[in-house]
Every structure is written in structure tokens, then in C-alpha cells.
Amino acid sequence: MITKAEIIDQPYSGQYKERIYDVISPWNSQSWTWVKFENEDFTEWCGEFRGAPRAVALSKKYNKVLVLTSDYLFQMDCLSGEVIEYESHHLYQSLTVTPSGEFIIADDYSIEKIESNINDKTLLESPLEMIDMIKFTGWFNNKLSITCKESINWDNNFLLELDGDTLGITSKDCT
């Protein structure tokens, strides 16, 4: 069972046992993402995913790992290490998991909670109507900091905060 996942640079040949996760498509980029996995017995192995690296998140609650690349969003089963779903969505920019195990994903314009699988998402309401360039910047005490810009005026930066328990989003300040 996978217990840890982290994006790494391309490993040296033979450094880890490797598995390639590719989707055959004429629209694929030439980029790849390498993710180092650790199993509960502390063995390490590496997965190679199509697309440039964006994020990886592991939920022990759902026993799933999500790998976000520039080409795809991959959903893996922690027990088997197999990709069970994937979605081609080039607009996703940020991915995280709440301390309670809920997956949160964002494209440039919206933030969503992933429900039972990556094809089942719920839009989270934002206190700002027209936002752009959403980026997750980190967790602190069960609160996720989020930066974004006003879509009409990119000089206006906003700081939002997502509560990890309620999944409510509040505006913190405006610059």
C-alpha cells in the first residue's frame, strides 16, 4: 500500500523500480513527471507520468493518489499502485489534499472538491465573482492559503483562505 508520494527529478537509471503511466494520444506533450512512492514496508519505487509536473496528493481516507501533470489528472489506487482513472484537462493548475483527506483542485477560474472519483467534482463557492490565476500556496493550521487575481484587472491580487473542515472559502485581504 502506498503511504507517501512526492514529485522528484528524473531518477538515475536503475535507482528505483519504475512504472510508466502513459496515455496514448496525439495531443500529448513530450514532458514527463516522476513521482517517488513509498509503500508501508518502506520500499520505494517511481512512477513516470505523461506531462510536466504540477502536483501530487495522497488521501489515506480514500486510499487514492492524484497526480496532476500538464497533460492529465491521474487517479491511482494506493493498494494496487494502478491508475484507475485519468482525465485530460490541461487547465488544472493546483491540487492539494485537506488534513481530513479531501482532494481540492483548481483551474485558473474555479476551485472544486473531488468527490468519490476524479469525474465527480463539486464547485466550491468563492467570495469573489471574477477571479483568475488561482494558486494554492500552502496549509497552516487546517487553513489553505490561496492567491488569485481579479480577471479584469491583473494588478489586483487577492488572498483567499479555505477552511479544511467546512471547505468554506473566505477573502483575507486585497492588494
Protein backbone atom coordinates (compact mmCIF):
# COMPACT_ATOMS: atom_id res chain seq x y z
CA MET A 1 0.00 0.00 0.00
CA ILE A 2 1.31 3.46 -0.94
CA THR A 3 1.87 5.67 2.11
CA LYS A 4 3.88 8.56 0.61
CA ALA A 5 4.15 10.26 -2.79
CA GLU A 6 6.35 13.12 -3.91
CA ILE A 7 7.38 14.65 -7.23
CA ILE A 8 11.08 14.22 -7.92
CA ASP A 9 13.54 14.99 -10.70
CA GLN A 10 14.19 12.27 -13.25
CA PRO A 11 15.96 9.48 -11.32
CA TYR A 12 19.15 7.79 -12.41
CA SER A 13 18.61 4.63 -14.43
CA GLY A 14 18.16 1.72 -12.02
CA GLN A 15 17.83 3.93 -8.93
CA TYR A 16 14.22 2.78 -8.41
CA LYS A 17 11.95 0.15 -9.82
CA GLU A 18 9.94 2.18 -12.36
CA ARG A 19 6.46 2.00 -13.83
CA ILE A 20 5.36 4.06 -16.82
CA TYR A 21 1.86 5.55 -16.80
CA ASP A 22 1.16 6.84 -20.27
CA VAL A 23 -1.99 7.67 -22.20
CA ILE A 24 -1.80 7.21 -25.94
CA SER A 25 -2.87 10.44 -27.62
CA PRO A 26 -1.60 12.59 -30.48
CA TRP A 27 -2.06 15.63 -28.20
CA ASN A 28 0.47 14.51 -25.57
CA SER A 29 3.37 16.77 -24.72
CA GLN A 30 6.94 15.46 -24.71
CA SER A 31 7.27 16.19 -20.98
CA TRP A 32 7.22 13.67 -18.13
CA THR A 33 6.67 13.76 -14.38
CA TRP A 34 8.43 11.41 -11.96
CA VAL A 35 6.78 10.56 -8.66
CA LYS A 36 8.57 8.62 -5.92
CA PHE A 37 6.23 6.37 -3.96
CA GLU A 38 6.88 4.73 -0.62
CA ASN A 39 4.95 1.63 0.44
CA GLU A 40 4.02 0.76 4.02
CA ASP A 41 7.01 -1.64 4.14
CA PHE A 42 9.25 1.39 3.29
CA THR A 43 10.12 0.12 -0.20
CA GLU A 44 10.45 2.94 -2.73
CA TRP A 45 9.58 2.93 -6.40
CA CYS A 46 8.99 5.52 -9.09
CA GLY A 47 6.13 6.25 -11.46
CA GLU A 48 6.61 8.11 -14.73
CA PHE A 49 3.55 10.12 -15.85
CA ARG A 50 2.90 11.92 -19.15
CA GLY A 51 3.11 15.72 -18.85
CA ALA A 52 5.13 18.33 -16.96
CA PRO A 53 4.86 18.19 -13.15
CA ARG A 54 2.24 20.22 -11.32
CA ALA A 55 1.26 18.42 -8.08
CA VAL A 56 0.72 15.13 -6.28
CA ALA A 57 -1.64 14.45 -3.35
CA LEU A 58 -2.34 11.33 -1.30
CA SER A 59 -5.52 10.71 0.67
CA LYS A 60 -5.39 7.96 3.28
CA LYS A 61 -9.14 8.48 3.78
CA TYR A 62 -9.87 7.34 0.21
CA ASN A 63 -6.72 5.23 -0.35
CA LYS A 64 -6.04 7.20 -3.52
CA VAL A 65 -3.22 9.25 -5.00
CA LEU A 66 -3.83 12.01 -7.53
CA VAL A 67 -1.03 13.05 -9.86
CA LEU A 68 -1.52 16.32 -11.74
CA THR A 69 0.60 16.97 -14.82
CA SER A 70 0.29 19.48 -17.63
CA ASP A 71 -1.41 16.77 -19.74
CA TYR A 72 -3.53 14.72 -17.34
CA LEU A 73 -5.02 14.24 -13.90
CA PHE A 74 -4.28 10.63 -12.89
CA GLN A 75 -6.12 8.81 -10.09
CA MET A 76 -4.26 5.87 -8.57
CA ASP A 77 -5.32 3.20 -6.12
CA CYS A 78 -2.99 3.13 -3.07
CA LEU A 79 -3.45 -0.62 -2.63
CA SER A 80 -2.54 -1.76 -6.16
CA GLY A 81 -0.49 1.18 -7.46
CA GLU A 82 -2.59 1.11 -10.63
CA VAL A 83 -4.10 4.10 -12.42
CA ILE A 84 -7.87 3.61 -12.14
CA GLU A 85 -9.00 6.82 -13.83
CA TYR A 86 -7.48 9.68 -15.74
CA GLU A 87 -8.80 12.92 -17.15
CA SER A 88 -7.33 15.09 -19.87
CA HIS A 89 -7.71 18.62 -18.55
CA HIS A 90 -4.89 20.97 -19.39
CA LEU A 91 -6.32 23.84 -17.36
CA TYR A 92 -5.85 22.40 -13.85
CA GLN A 93 -3.09 24.31 -12.08
CA SER A 94 -3.23 23.37 -8.39
CA LEU A 95 -4.00 20.25 -6.38
CA THR A 96 -3.94 19.54 -2.65
CA VAL A 97 -5.50 17.32 -0.01
CA THR A 98 -7.08 18.62 3.19
CA PRO A 99 -5.83 17.32 6.55
CA SER A 100 -9.06 15.26 6.70
CA GLY A 101 -8.31 13.64 3.31
CA GLU A 102 -10.48 15.56 0.82
CA PHE A 103 -8.96 16.37 -2.57
CA ILE A 104 -9.17 20.02 -3.72
CA ILE A 105 -8.29 21.05 -7.29
CA ALA A 106 -8.26 24.38 -9.13
CA ASP A 107 -8.03 25.59 -12.67
CA ASP A 108 -7.46 29.27 -13.41
CA TYR A 109 -11.06 30.24 -12.61
CA SER A 110 -12.61 27.83 -10.09
CA ILE A 111 -11.91 25.61 -7.09
CA GLU A 112 -13.53 22.18 -6.78
CA LYS A 113 -13.70 19.33 -4.31
CA ILE A 114 -13.20 15.91 -5.88
CA GLU A 115 -15.81 13.51 -4.56
CA SER A 116 -15.62 9.70 -4.98
CA ASN A 117 -13.53 9.87 -8.17
CA ILE A 118 -12.00 12.47 -10.46
CA ASN A 119 -15.09 12.58 -12.66
CA ASP A 120 -17.26 13.62 -9.71
CA LYS A 121 -16.50 17.17 -8.57
CA THR A 122 -18.34 19.82 -6.57
CA LEU A 123 -17.70 23.52 -7.20
CA LEU A 124 -16.69 25.43 -4.06
CA GLU A 125 -18.21 28.90 -3.83
CA SER A 126 -15.78 31.80 -3.88
CA PRO A 127 -16.44 35.13 -2.17
CA LEU A 128 -15.06 36.85 -5.28
CA GLU A 129 -17.04 36.75 -8.51
CA MET A 130 -14.36 37.13 -11.15
CA ILE A 131 -11.03 35.59 -10.20
CA ASP A 132 -8.14 34.36 -12.32
CA MET A 133 -4.80 32.60 -11.89
CA ILE A 134 -5.72 30.62 -8.75
CA LYS A 135 -2.73 29.13 -6.92
CA PHE A 136 -2.62 27.08 -3.71
CA THR A 137 0.26 28.37 -1.58
CA GLY A 138 0.18 26.08 1.46
CA TRP A 139 -1.54 24.78 4.57
CA PHE A 140 -1.28 26.35 8.01
CA ASN A 141 -3.40 25.14 10.95
CA ASN A 142 -6.04 23.49 8.73
CA LYS A 143 -6.32 26.59 6.52
CA LEU A 144 -5.21 26.61 2.89
CA SER A 145 -3.83 29.90 1.58
CA ILE A 146 -4.86 30.69 -1.98
CA THR A 147 -3.70 33.55 -4.18
CA CYS A 148 -5.57 34.83 -7.21
CA LYS A 149 -6.01 37.89 -9.37
CA GLU A 150 -9.03 39.85 -10.49
CA SER A 151 -9.80 38.68 -14.03
CA ILE A 152 -10.49 42.19 -15.34
CA ASN A 153 -7.52 43.87 -13.63
CA TRP A 154 -4.48 41.63 -13.10
CA ASP A 155 -2.90 44.31 -10.89
CA ASN A 156 -5.42 43.43 -8.17
CA ASN A 157 -4.15 40.46 -6.13
CA PHE A 158 -6.33 38.64 -3.63
CA LEU A 159 -5.60 36.26 -0.79
CA LEU A 160 -8.26 33.66 -0.07
CA GLU A 161 -8.40 31.03 2.64
CA LEU A 162 -10.06 27.63 2.50
CA ASP A 163 -11.14 26.05 5.79
CA GLY A 164 -10.08 22.38 5.78
CA ASP A 165 -13.13 21.31 7.82
CA THR A 166 -16.00 23.28 6.31
CA LEU A 167 -14.43 23.76 2.84
CA GLY A 168 -15.67 27.35 3.01
CA ILE A 169 -13.61 30.00 1.22
CA THR A 170 -13.13 33.45 2.68
CA SER A 171 -11.35 36.56 1.42
CA LYS A 172 -8.41 37.62 3.59
CA ASP A 173 -7.23 40.87 2.00
CA CYS A 174 -6.82 42.77 -1.22
CA THR A 175 -3.71 44.40 -2.67
